[in-house]
């Protein structure tokens, strides 16, 4: 099977590519970031997915499956640039799929689009409304990209679209919101709150994406998770950090200072209320199960990022 991965140079993107190659699929990647030590079987094109050079990769490679992982977070880009990359990039990917005969597109999204709120259900199913933009404006572009990808299910009926809403990733090489929050020796929390957090090992995340790309007949929107959710206090302790409870009115002014992580104000809601997903539909459709449990995943992160 010919598979094109947009965002191949990310840690999870590299794992996905290597899994697919081991299973004898032909893999090509598109990413502005280099991957100098990629296996010889994996061809990486250092181009922007929104540019004409990426269209040429689609035209010449003619992928059967396209995996779109080329999105960024508030930690990596400004608001304007995020919209251009996340929403316009997603549109470019799906337009290219239509023009060049791709049979399946896998959009890798985030479970945080459901939003953290005191009246939210404990477990979000795939039909739960995406409410993150109301309390966390920095997620608005990712919510828009997810909804655009989901609309392809009826906008491009000939394309088997799979939208994955994956929980936080954690592991030895992981980057992103949760690893950045946990990286320092002291981790701030909101005084009086201890929400459930849901995460999975980055290698399990890669396995789920690869499985979604190759599982026969799969299409639709799916939550993806690994171990059972755990209280934030247990997660902080499990990665060898010290929890620092801070009153909510004070916390916003401390973020990014005194060695504390840099988080936007909207992220504080996620330190108060859980965002937990029901992943039964994906497990039933694909047979997926995580290889790493919670303690193993936390240990992998702690060992790679000692304090």
Foldseek 3Di string as FASTA:
>chain_A
DEEEEEPLPAPLSVLLVVVCVVVPYQYEYEDLDDDVPRDPSYHYDNDQLLDPVVLVVCQVRLGQEYEYPFADFPVPDDQVVRLCRQAVSLVSVVVSCVVRVHAEYEYEAALCQLDFDPPDDPADEPPRDRDNCVQPVRCVSRNNSLVVQQVCVVVVVSHQYEYEHEFAEFFQRDDDDVCLQQQFQEHEFAPPAWEWGFYAYSSLVSVLSSLQRPPPPDHHYFYDGAADTDTPVVLSVLLNHHYDHDHLVCVQVCDPHPRGHHDHNSCNSCRHGPRHHDGVVSCVRRVRHGPDYDSRRSPRRSVNRPD
